[in-house]
Amino acid sequence: MTDRFETDDVEDGQFVAGRIAYIKPTGSDEAHRLGLLPANIDLPDGMKLYVLHAEDGSVLGFTDGYASAYGAAVQNELTPVSVH
């Protein structure tokens, strides 16, 4: 099956710079490294945060659900891409 998405973020077959956002599932260790969680707080076992990153890798935001991260990207006119 092939999905095709219509978007204004493509020019001449290439994505427009600055319009892609990456959604990455992140555990406690990575959340601490990124400064998202205070040092004395840990996520429960198996829980992940979904971090929305700009193309340059900077953190735009985070949430506890993939759908929320995806929705935030779309609301801000970004094209969300999953990173595993």
PDB file of N, CA and C in Angstrom:
ATOM      1  N   MET A   1       0.845  -1.174   0.000  1.00  0.00           N
ATOM      2  CA  MET A   1       0.000   0.000   0.000  1.00  0.00           C
ATOM      3  C   MET A   1       0.890   1.237   0.000  1.00  0.00           C
ATOM      4  N   THR A   2       0.529   2.218  -0.785  1.00  0.00           N
ATOM      5  CA  THR A   2       1.272   3.465  -0.841  1.00  0.00           C
ATOM      6  C   THR A   2       0.375   4.606  -0.409  1.00  0.00           C
ATOM      7  N   ASP A   3       0.839   5.394   0.549  1.00  0.00           N
ATOM      8  CA  ASP A   3       0.104   6.582   0.972  1.00  0.00           C
ATOM      9  C   ASP A   3       0.675   7.781   0.246  1.00  0.00           C
ATOM     10  N   ARG A   4      -0.205   8.647  -0.183  1.00  0.00           N
ATOM     11  CA  ARG A   4       0.248   9.874  -0.831  1.00  0.00           C
ATOM     12  C   ARG A   4      -0.413  11.034  -0.116  1.00  0.00           C
ATOM     13  N   PHE A   5       0.364  11.987   0.286  1.00  0.00           N
ATOM     14  CA  PHE A   5      -0.147  13.140   1.006  1.00  0.00           C
ATOM     15  C   PHE A   5       0.022  14.379   0.155  1.00  0.00           C
ATOM     16  N   GLU A   6      -1.032  15.160   0.071  1.00  0.00           N
ATOM     17  CA  GLU A   6      -0.964  16.441  -0.624  1.00  0.00           C
ATOM     18  C   GLU A   6      -0.463  17.473   0.383  1.00  0.00           C
ATOM     19  N   THR A   7       0.494  18.255  -0.010  1.00  0.00           N
ATOM     20  CA  THR A   7       1.057  19.247   0.897  1.00  0.00           C
ATOM     21  C   THR A   7       1.587  20.439   0.128  1.00  0.00           C
ATOM     22  N   ASP A   8       1.582  21.584   0.787  1.00  0.00           N
ATOM     23  CA  ASP A   8       2.175  22.795   0.213  1.00  0.00           C
ATOM     24  C   ASP A   8       3.661  22.871   0.532  1.00  0.00           C
ATOM     25  N   ASP A   9       4.176  21.862   1.238  1.00  0.00           N
ATOM     26  CA  ASP A   9       5.559  21.878   1.689  1.00  0.00           C
ATOM     27  C   ASP A   9       6.512  21.266   0.674  1.00  0.00           C
ATOM     28  N   VAL A  10       6.052  21.043  -0.555  1.00  0.00           N
ATOM     29  CA  VAL A  10       6.886  20.432  -1.582  1.00  0.00           C
ATOM     30  C   VAL A  10       7.013  21.397  -2.759  1.00  0.00           C
ATOM     31  N   GLU A  11       8.238  21.618  -3.156  1.00  0.00           N
ATOM     32  CA  GLU A  11       8.527  22.421  -4.343  1.00  0.00           C
ATOM     33  C   GLU A  11       9.475  21.621  -5.212  1.00  0.00           C
ATOM     34  N   ASP A  12       9.119  21.404  -6.466  1.00  0.00           N
ATOM     35  CA  ASP A  12       9.947  20.644  -7.398  1.00  0.00           C
ATOM     36  C   ASP A  12      10.337  19.280  -6.837  1.00  0.00           C
ATOM     37  N   GLY A  13       9.393  18.634  -6.149  1.00  0.00           N
ATOM     38  CA  GLY A  13       9.636  17.299  -5.618  1.00  0.00           C
ATOM     39  C   GLY A  13      10.457  17.258  -4.345  1.00  0.00           C
ATOM     40  N   GLN A  14      10.809  18.405  -3.780  1.00  0.00           N
ATOM     41  CA  GLN A  14      11.621  18.464  -2.558  1.00  0.00           C
ATOM     42  C   GLN A  14      10.833  19.151  -1.442  1.00  0.00           C
ATOM     43  N   PHE A  15      10.999  18.671  -0.203  1.00  0.00           N
ATOM     44  CA  PHE A  15      10.367  19.340   0.920  1.00  0.00           C
ATOM     45  C   PHE A  15      10.986  20.717   1.118  1.00  0.00           C
ATOM     46  N   VAL A  16      10.151  21.685   1.501  1.00  0.00           N
ATOM     47  CA  VAL A  16      10.611  23.045   1.759  1.00  0.00           C
ATOM     48  C   VAL A  16      11.307  23.070   3.121  1.00  0.00           C
ATOM     49  N   ALA A  17      12.480  23.664   3.180  1.00  0.00           N
ATOM     50  CA  ALA A  17      13.258  23.726   4.423  1.00  0.00           C
ATOM     51  C   ALA A  17      12.466  24.424   5.515  1.00  0.00           C
ATOM     52  N   GLY A  18      12.610  23.913   6.735  1.00  0.00           N
ATOM     53  CA  GLY A  18      11.987  24.545   7.886  1.00  0.00           C
ATOM     54  C   GLY A  18      10.554  24.111   8.129  1.00  0.00           C
ATOM     55  N   ARG A  19      10.010  23.255   7.321  1.00  0.00           N
ATOM     56  CA  ARG A  19       8.613  22.853   7.461  1.00  0.00           C
ATOM     57  C   ARG A  19       8.458  21.422   7.972  1.00  0.00           C
ATOM     58  N   ILE A  20       9.547  20.702   8.173  1.00  0.00           N
ATOM     59  CA  ILE A  20       9.481  19.325   8.671  1.00  0.00           C
ATOM     60  C   ILE A  20       9.769  19.324  10.167  1.00  0.00           C
ATOM     61  N   ALA A  21       8.997  18.532  10.907  1.00  0.00           N
ATOM     62  CA  ALA A  21       9.234  18.338  12.337  1.00  0.00           C
ATOM     63  C   ALA A  21       9.338  16.840  12.589  1.00  0.00           C
ATOM     64  N   TYR A  22      10.235  16.453  13.461  1.00  0.00           N
ATOM     65  CA  TYR A  22      10.472  15.050  13.764  1.00  0.00           C
ATOM     66  C   TYR A  22       9.850  14.703  15.109  1.00  0.00           C
ATOM     67  N   ILE A  23       9.150  13.578  15.151  1.00  0.00           N
ATOM     68  CA  ILE A  23       8.579  13.081  16.401  1.00  0.00           C
ATOM     69  C   ILE A  23       9.382  11.858  16.814  1.00  0.00           C
ATOM     70  N   LYS A  24       9.983  11.953  18.001  1.00  0.00           N
ATOM     71  CA  LYS A  24      10.847  10.871  18.467  1.00  0.00           C
ATOM     72  C   LYS A  24      10.381  10.390  19.837  1.00  0.00           C
ATOM     73  N   PRO A  25      10.090   9.076  19.974  1.00  0.00           N
ATOM     74  CA  PRO A  25       9.775   8.535  21.294  1.00  0.00           C
ATOM     75  C   PRO A  25      11.037   8.558  22.158  1.00  0.00           C
ATOM     76  N   THR A  26      10.880   8.989  23.391  1.00  0.00           N
ATOM     77  CA  THR A  26      12.029   9.228  24.257  1.00  0.00           C
ATOM     78  C   THR A  26      11.755   8.696  25.659  1.00  0.00           C
ATOM     79  N   GLY A  27      12.717   7.969  26.224  1.00  0.00           N
ATOM     80  CA  GLY A  27      12.606   7.470  27.592  1.00  0.00           C
ATOM     81  C   GLY A  27      13.211   8.452  28.592  1.00  0.00           C
ATOM     82  N   SER A  28      13.272   8.038  29.852  1.00  0.00           N
ATOM     83  CA  SER A  28      13.769   8.899  30.940  1.00  0.00           C
ATOM     84  C   SER A  28      15.178   9.432  30.703  1.00  0.00           C
ATOM     85  N   ASP A  29      16.100   8.548  30.334  1.00  0.00           N
ATOM     86  CA  ASP A  29      17.497   8.976  30.188  1.00  0.00           C
ATOM     87  C   ASP A  29      17.638  10.082  29.146  1.00  0.00           C
ATOM     88  N   GLU A  30      17.004   9.901  28.006  1.00  0.00           N
ATOM     89  CA  GLU A  30      17.072  10.904  26.942  1.00  0.00           C
ATOM     90  C   GLU A  30      16.339  12.179  27.353  1.00  0.00           C
ATOM     91  N   ALA A  31      15.211  12.038  28.050  1.00  0.00           N
ATOM     92  CA  ALA A  31      14.456  13.212  28.507  1.00  0.00           C
ATOM     93  C   ALA A  31      15.295  14.044  29.476  1.00  0.00           C
ATOM     94  N   HIS A  32      16.071  13.383  30.332  1.00  0.00           N
ATOM     95  CA  HIS A  32      16.967  14.097  31.248  1.00  0.00           C
ATOM     96  C   HIS A  32      18.076  14.799  30.463  1.00  0.00           C
ATOM     97  N   ARG A  33      18.650  14.093  29.488  1.00  0.00           N
ATOM     98  CA  ARG A  33      19.733  14.670  28.690  1.00  0.00           C
ATOM     99  C   ARG A  33      19.269  15.910  27.945  1.00  0.00           C
ATOM    100  N   LEU A  34      18.029  15.888  27.469  1.00  0.00           N
ATOM    101  CA  LEU A  34      17.477  17.032  26.743  1.00  0.00           C
ATOM    102  C   LEU A  34      17.003  18.153  27.671  1.00  0.00           C
ATOM    103  N   GLY A  35      16.997  17.882  28.972  1.00  0.00           N
ATOM    104  CA  GLY A  35      16.549  18.893  29.928  1.00  0.00           C
ATOM    105  C   GLY A  35      15.038  19.002  30.038  1.00  0.00           C
ATOM    106  N   LEU A  36      14.334  17.958  29.616  1.00  0.00           N
ATOM    107  CA  LEU A  36      12.877  17.976  29.667  1.00  0.00           C
ATOM    108  C   LEU A  36      12.335  17.621  31.044  1.00  0.00           C
ATOM    109  N   LEU A  37      13.081  16.809  31.776  1.00  0.00           N
ATOM    110  CA  LEU A  37      12.676  16.386  33.113  1.00  0.00           C
ATOM    111  C   LEU A  37      13.720  16.807  34.136  1.00  0.00           C
ATOM    112  N   PRO A  38      13.294  17.252  35.322  1.00  0.00           N
ATOM    113  CA  PRO A  38      14.252  17.541  36.388  1.00  0.00           C
ATOM    114  C   PRO A  38      15.008  16.269  36.786  1.00  0.00           C
ATOM    115  N   ALA A  39      16.198  16.426  37.313  1.00  0.00           N
ATOM    116  CA  ALA A  39      17.065  15.292  37.652  1.00  0.00           C
ATOM    117  C   ALA A  39      16.416  14.307  38.627  1.00  0.00           C
ATOM    118  N   ASN A  40      15.567  14.793  39.521  1.00  0.00           N
ATOM    119  CA  ASN A  40      14.991  13.918  40.543  1.00  0.00           C
ATOM    120  C   ASN A  40      13.666  13.279  40.112  1.00  0.00           C
ATOM    121  N   ILE A  41      13.269  13.442  38.863  1.00  0.00           N
ATOM    122  CA  ILE A  41      12.025  12.866  38.343  1.00  0.00           C
ATOM    123  C   ILE A  41      12.355  11.837  37.268  1.00  0.00           C
ATOM    124  N   ASP A  42      11.750  10.649  37.364  1.00  0.00           N
ATOM    125  CA  ASP A  42      11.907   9.609  36.347  1.00  0.00           C
ATOM    126  C   ASP A  42      10.536   9.229  35.820  1.00  0.00           C
ATOM    127  N   LEU A  43      10.495   8.805  34.575  1.00  0.00           N
ATOM    128  CA  LEU A  43       9.261   8.300  33.993  1.00  0.00           C
ATOM    129  C   LEU A  43       9.001   6.893  34.528  1.00  0.00           C
ATOM    130  N   PRO A  44       7.742   6.511  34.674  1.00  0.00           N
ATOM    131  CA  PRO A  44       7.450   5.128  35.069  1.00  0.00           C
ATOM    132  C   PRO A  44       7.996   4.153  34.025  1.00  0.00           C
ATOM    133  N   ASP A  45       8.298   2.930  34.459  1.00  0.00           N
ATOM    134  CA  ASP A  45       8.820   1.911  33.544  1.00  0.00           C
ATOM    135  C   ASP A  45       7.925   1.769  32.320  1.00  0.00           C
ATOM    136  N   GLY A  46       8.540   1.781  31.152  1.00  0.00           N
ATOM    137  CA  GLY A  46       7.826   1.599  29.903  1.00  0.00           C
ATOM    138  C   GLY A  46       7.161   2.844  29.341  1.00  0.00           C
ATOM    139  N   MET A  47       7.108   3.919  30.105  1.00  0.00           N
ATOM    140  CA  MET A  47       6.483   5.150  29.612  1.00  0.00           C
ATOM    141  C   MET A  47       7.466   5.923  28.740  1.00  0.00           C
ATOM    142  N   LYS A  48       6.934   6.521  27.697  1.00  0.00           N
ATOM    143  CA  LYS A  48       7.754   7.334  26.802  1.00  0.00           C
ATOM    144  C   LYS A  48       7.132   8.700  26.638  1.00  0.00           C
ATOM    145  N   LEU A  49       7.973   9.657  26.385  1.00  0.00           N
ATOM    146  CA  LEU A  49       7.525  10.966  25.943  1.00  0.00           C
ATOM    147  C   LEU A  49       7.706  11.013  24.435  1.00  0.00           C
ATOM    148  N   TYR A  50       6.918  11.802  23.768  1.00  0.00           N
ATOM    149  CA  TYR A  50       7.058  12.008  22.335  1.00  0.00           C
ATOM    150  C   TYR A  50       7.509  13.436  22.143  1.00  0.00           C
ATOM    151  N   VAL A  51       8.755  13.574  21.688  1.00  0.00           N
ATOM    152  CA  VAL A  51       9.390  14.886  21.577  1.00  0.00           C
ATOM    153  C   VAL A  51       9.309  15.356  20.132  1.00  0.00           C
ATOM    154  N   LEU A  52       8.846  16.578  19.963  1.00  0.00           N
ATOM    155  CA  LEU A  52       8.745  17.199  18.648  1.00  0.00           C
ATOM    156  C   LEU A  52       9.993  18.046  18.441  1.00  0.00           C
ATOM    157  N   HIS A  53      10.779  17.688  17.418  1.00  0.00           N
ATOM    158  CA  HIS A  53      12.039  18.371  17.115  1.00  0.00           C
ATOM    159  C   HIS A  53      11.920  19.149  15.811  1.00  0.00           C
ATOM    160  N   ALA A  54      12.569  20.302  15.753  1.00  0.00           N
ATOM    161  CA  ALA A  54      12.706  21.045  14.507  1.00  0.00           C
ATOM    162  C   ALA A  54      13.755  20.357  13.651  1.00  0.00           C
ATOM    163  N   GLU A  55      13.867  20.770  12.398  1.00  0.00           N
ATOM    164  CA  GLU A  55      14.854  20.167  11.492  1.00  0.00           C
ATOM    165  C   GLU A  55      16.270  20.270  12.026  1.00  0.00           C
ATOM    166  N   ASP A  56      16.576  21.319  12.788  1.00  0.00           N
ATOM    167  CA  ASP A  56      17.930  21.495  13.315  1.00  0.00           C
ATOM    168  C   ASP A  56      18.172  20.697  14.594  1.00  0.00           C
ATOM    169  N   GLY A  57      17.155  19.942  15.048  1.00  0.00           N
ATOM    170  CA  GLY A  57      17.290  19.102  16.237  1.00  0.00           C
ATOM    171  C   GLY A  57      16.818  19.762  17.517  1.00  0.00           C
ATOM    172  N   SER A  58      16.517  21.040  17.482  1.00  0.00           N
ATOM    173  CA  SER A  58      16.053  21.706  18.697  1.00  0.00           C
ATOM    174  C   SER A  58      14.665  21.193  19.088  1.00  0.00           C
ATOM    175  N   VAL A  59      14.396  21.192  20.385  1.00  0.00           N
ATOM    176  CA  VAL A  59      13.128  20.689  20.908  1.00  0.00           C
ATOM    177  C   VAL A  59      12.062  21.767  20.769  1.00  0.00           C
ATOM    178  N   LEU A  60      10.966  21.409  20.125  1.00  0.00           N
ATOM    179  CA  LEU A  60       9.837  22.327  19.996  1.00  0.00           C
ATOM    180  C   LEU A  60       8.816  22.093  21.100  1.00  0.00           C
ATOM    181  N   GLY A  61       8.753  20.868  21.602  1.00  0.00           N
ATOM    182  CA  GLY A  61       7.811  20.522  22.660  1.00  0.00           C
ATOM    183  C   GLY A  61       7.807  19.033  22.892  1.00  0.00           C
ATOM    184  N   PHE A  62       7.035  18.601  23.895  1.00  0.00           N
ATOM    185  CA  PHE A  62       6.923  17.169  24.177  1.00  0.00           C
ATOM    186  C   PHE A  62       5.585  16.888  24.834  1.00  0.00           C
ATOM    187  N   THR A  63       5.164  15.638  24.717  1.00  0.00           N
ATOM    188  CA  THR A  63       3.897  15.198  25.272  1.00  0.00           C
ATOM    189  C   THR A  63       3.988  13.707  25.579  1.00  0.00           C
ATOM    190  N   ASP A  64       2.951  13.172  26.202  1.00  0.00           N
ATOM    191  CA  ASP A  64       2.970  11.740  26.512  1.00  0.00           C
ATOM    192  C   ASP A  64       2.244  10.904  25.465  1.00  0.00           C
ATOM    193  N   GLY A  65       1.787  11.513  24.372  1.00  0.00           N
ATOM    194  CA  GLY A  65       1.091  10.762  23.333  1.00  0.00           C
ATOM    195  C   GLY A  65       1.540  11.154  21.932  1.00  0.00           C
ATOM    196  N   TYR A  66       1.709  10.145  21.086  1.00  0.00           N
ATOM    197  CA  TYR A  66       2.128  10.398  19.707  1.00  0.00           C
ATOM    198  C   TYR A  66       1.122  11.294  18.984  1.00  0.00           C
ATOM    199  N   ALA A  67      -0.167  11.011  19.173  1.00  0.00           N
ATOM    200  CA  ALA A  67      -1.207  11.781  18.486  1.00  0.00           C
ATOM    201  C   ALA A  67      -1.141  13.261  18.858  1.00  0.00           C
ATOM    202  N   SER A  68      -0.822  13.553  20.104  1.00  0.00           N
ATOM    203  CA  SER A  68      -0.701  14.947  20.536  1.00  0.00           C
ATOM    204  C   SER A  68       0.476  15.639  19.856  1.00  0.00           C
ATOM    205  N   ALA A  69       1.598  14.934  19.753  1.00  0.00           N
ATOM    206  CA  ALA A  69       2.774  15.505  19.088  1.00  0.00           C
ATOM    207  C   ALA A  69       2.482  15.732  17.610  1.00  0.00           C
ATOM    208  N   TYR A  70       1.831  14.766  16.988  1.00  0.00           N
ATOM    209  CA  TYR A  70       1.472  14.873  15.578  1.00  0.00           C
ATOM    210  C   TYR A  70       0.529  16.066  15.367  1.00  0.00           C
ATOM    211  N   GLY A  71      -0.478  16.158  16.211  1.00  0.00           N
ATOM    212  CA  GLY A  71      -1.438  17.259  16.115  1.00  0.00           C
ATOM    213  C   GLY A  71      -0.791  18.614  16.302  1.00  0.00           C
ATOM    214  N   ALA A  72       0.148  18.715  17.235  1.00  0.00           N
ATOM    215  CA  ALA A  72       0.851  19.982  17.463  1.00  0.00           C
ATOM    216  C   ALA A  72       1.640  20.392  16.227  1.00  0.00           C
ATOM    217  N   ALA A  73       2.276  19.423  15.583  1.00  0.00           N
ATOM    218  CA  ALA A  73       3.037  19.722  14.367  1.00  0.00           C
ATOM    219  C   ALA A  73       2.108  20.247  13.281  1.00  0.00           C
ATOM    220  N   VAL A  74       1.014  19.540  13.057  1.00  0.00           N
ATOM    221  CA  VAL A  74       0.071  19.927  12.000  1.00  0.00           C
ATOM    222  C   VAL A  74      -0.544  21.292  12.291  1.00  0.00           C
ATOM    223  N   GLN A  75      -0.919  21.539  13.545  1.00  0.00           N
ATOM    224  CA  GLN A  75      -1.499  22.834  13.918  1.00  0.00           C
ATOM    225  C   GLN A  75      -0.543  23.981  13.638  1.00  0.00           C
ATOM    226  N   ASN A  76       0.744  23.699  13.706  1.00  0.00           N
ATOM    227  CA  ASN A  76       1.751  24.736  13.477  1.00  0.00           C
ATOM    228  C   ASN A  76       2.309  24.690  12.059  1.00  0.00           C
ATOM    229  N   GLU A  77       1.537  24.071  11.169  1.00  0.00           N
ATOM    230  CA  GLU A  77       1.859  24.009   9.744  1.00  0.00           C
ATOM    231  C   GLU A  77       3.217  23.370   9.449  1.00  0.00           C
ATOM    232  N   LEU A  78       3.524  22.326  10.240  1.00  0.00           N
ATOM    233  CA  LEU A  78       4.735  21.545  10.035  1.00  0.00           C
ATOM    234  C   LEU A  78       4.345  20.182   9.491  1.00  0.00           C
ATOM    235  N   THR A  79       5.242  19.559   8.752  1.00  0.00           N
ATOM    236  CA  THR A  79       5.020  18.199   8.259  1.00  0.00           C
ATOM    237  C   THR A  79       5.687  17.237   9.240  1.00  0.00           C
ATOM    238  N   PRO A  80       4.887  16.473  10.020  1.00  0.00           N
ATOM    239  CA  PRO A  80       5.476  15.568  11.016  1.00  0.00           C
ATOM    240  C   PRO A  80       6.048  14.303  10.379  1.00  0.00           C
ATOM    241  N   VAL A  81       7.202  13.888  10.864  1.00  0.00           N
ATOM    242  CA  VAL A  81       7.884  12.674  10.412  1.00  0.00           C
ATOM    243  C   VAL A  81       8.304  11.921  11.666  1.00  0.00           C
ATOM    244  N   SER A  82       8.050  10.611  11.699  1.00  0.00           N
ATOM    245  CA  SER A  82       8.430   9.794  12.859  1.00  0.00           C
ATOM    246  C   SER A  82       9.900   9.401  12.774  1.00  0.00           C
ATOM    247  N   VAL A  83      10.551   9.407  13.927  1.00  0.00           N
ATOM    248  CA  VAL A  83      11.934   8.959  14.049  1.00  0.00           C
ATOM    249  C   VAL A  83      11.919   7.841  15.079  1.00  0.00           C
ATOM    250  N   HIS A  84      12.504   6.698  14.721  1.00  0.00           N
ATOM    251  CA  HIS A  84      12.488   5.547  15.640  1.00  0.00           C
ATOM    252  C   HIS A  84      13.849   5.292  16.192  1.00  0.00           C
TER     253      HIS A  84
END
